[in-house]
Amino acid sequence: MKKTYECMVLLDNREVRQGWDALKDRVTGMMTKHGAEIVSAKLWQERRLAYPILQQQRGTYLLVYFTAPTAGIGPLNREMNMAEPVMRHMVTACEEVPET
C-alpha cells in the first residue's frame, strides 16, 4: 500500500554550489530507487543553521513530496543517512500535497 510522504532534506551548500539540478536529481533518484513516485521536489530556501553541522554555518533545504510503499521508507532513511550531500533529513507522512 502506498502512502503520501513529505521529506525535508538539508543539503550541504558546498554541494549545492556545484550544481543544484544534479544534486536534486541525485536525492530524488535515491527515493525512486526505493519505489517512490515523486509528486513535487523544490528548493525551499537557504538558511543559516542554529548550530554548525559538518563545519557548515548555512544549508539549503529541499522539500520533496512523494508516494511510496511503507516498506521502502526504512531503506530510504538508511541511504539518506549515508549520503554525503545530505546533512539532515526528515520523512513524515502527510494527508495530501499542498497546491503551493
Protein backbone atom coordinates (compact mmCIF):
# COMPACT_ATOMS: atom_id res chain seq x y z
CA MET A 1 0.00 0.00 0.00
CA LYS A 2 1.37 3.41 -0.97
CA LYS A 3 1.14 6.47 1.24
CA THR A 4 2.00 10.10 0.67
CA TYR A 5 5.10 11.45 2.40
CA GLU A 6 6.90 14.74 2.82
CA CYS A 7 10.67 14.79 3.05
CA MET A 8 12.66 17.81 4.17
CA VAL A 9 16.31 17.43 3.19
CA LEU A 10 19.07 19.74 4.46
CA LEU A 11 21.82 19.81 1.84
CA ASP A 12 25.45 20.84 2.14
CA ASN A 13 25.93 24.24 0.45
CA ARG A 14 29.31 23.18 -0.95
CA GLU A 15 27.49 20.51 -2.97
CA VAL A 16 24.65 22.89 -3.94
CA ARG A 17 27.16 25.37 -5.42
CA GLN A 18 28.48 22.65 -7.72
CA GLY A 19 25.07 22.19 -9.34
CA TRP A 20 21.55 22.39 -7.95
CA ASP A 21 19.78 20.33 -10.62
CA ALA A 22 22.27 17.46 -10.46
CA LEU A 23 22.04 17.36 -6.67
CA LYS A 24 18.23 17.45 -6.70
CA ASP A 25 18.22 14.60 -9.23
CA ARG A 26 20.61 12.63 -7.04
CA VAL A 27 18.37 12.95 -3.97
CA THR A 28 15.14 12.20 -5.84
CA GLY A 29 16.94 9.28 -7.51
CA MET A 30 17.58 7.79 -4.07
CA MET A 31 13.85 7.98 -3.43
CA THR A 32 12.77 6.44 -6.72
CA LYS A 33 15.31 3.64 -6.18
CA HIS A 34 13.21 2.57 -3.17
CA GLY A 35 9.89 2.62 -5.03
CA ALA A 36 8.87 6.25 -4.55
CA GLU A 37 6.99 8.28 -7.13
CA ILE A 38 7.97 11.95 -6.87
CA VAL A 39 5.00 14.32 -6.81
CA SER A 40 6.90 17.55 -6.19
CA ALA A 41 10.53 18.48 -5.50
CA LYS A 42 11.50 22.10 -5.00
CA LEU A 43 14.08 24.34 -3.44
CA TRP A 44 12.64 25.61 -0.19
CA GLN A 45 15.32 28.06 0.94
CA GLU A 46 18.90 28.57 2.07
CA ARG A 47 19.19 29.34 5.77
CA ARG A 48 21.70 29.99 8.49
CA LEU A 49 21.84 26.95 10.79
CA ALA A 50 21.21 27.20 14.52
CA TYR A 51 24.43 25.28 15.13
CA PRO A 52 27.24 24.11 12.82
CA ILE A 53 26.72 20.79 11.06
CA LEU A 54 29.80 19.28 9.41
CA GLN A 55 31.54 22.65 9.95
CA GLN A 56 28.86 24.40 7.87
CA GLN A 57 27.01 27.51 9.07
CA ARG A 58 24.43 27.51 6.24
CA GLY A 59 22.38 24.87 4.48
CA THR A 60 19.91 24.61 1.63
CA TYR A 61 16.58 22.88 2.11
CA LEU A 62 14.96 20.65 -0.50
CA LEU A 63 11.27 19.86 0.04
CA VAL A 64 10.03 16.68 -1.64
CA TYR A 65 6.53 15.20 -1.71
CA PHE A 66 6.28 11.61 -2.86
CA THR A 67 4.19 8.45 -2.69
CA ALA A 68 5.87 5.22 -1.69
CA PRO A 69 5.18 1.84 -0.14
CA THR A 70 5.68 1.92 3.61
CA ALA A 71 8.27 -0.87 3.36
CA GLY A 72 10.55 1.43 1.32
CA ILE A 73 10.86 4.15 3.97
CA GLY A 74 13.33 2.29 6.22
CA PRO A 75 15.83 1.57 3.43
CA LEU A 76 15.41 5.14 2.15
CA ASN A 77 16.25 6.55 5.60
CA ARG A 78 19.37 4.38 5.80
CA GLU A 79 20.58 5.51 2.38
CA MET A 80 19.89 9.19 3.17
CA ASN A 81 21.86 8.87 6.43
CA MET A 82 24.90 7.69 4.47
CA ALA A 83 24.66 10.15 1.54
CA GLU A 84 27.40 12.80 1.73
CA PRO A 85 25.48 15.86 0.49
CA VAL A 86 22.59 15.19 2.91
CA MET A 87 23.39 16.78 6.27
CA ARG A 88 19.97 16.02 7.80
CA HIS A 89 16.63 14.73 6.58
CA MET A 90 13.17 14.03 7.93
CA VAL A 91 10.43 11.94 6.32
CA THR A 92 6.88 12.37 7.60
CA ALA A 93 3.56 11.03 6.41
CA CYS A 94 1.12 13.64 5.10
CA GLU A 95 -2.53 13.53 4.11
CA GLU A 96 -2.21 15.44 0.86
CA VAL A 97 0.23 17.53 -1.14
CA PRO A 98 -0.35 21.28 -0.77
CA GLU A 99 -1.10 23.12 -4.01
CA THR A 100 1.59 25.77 -3.47
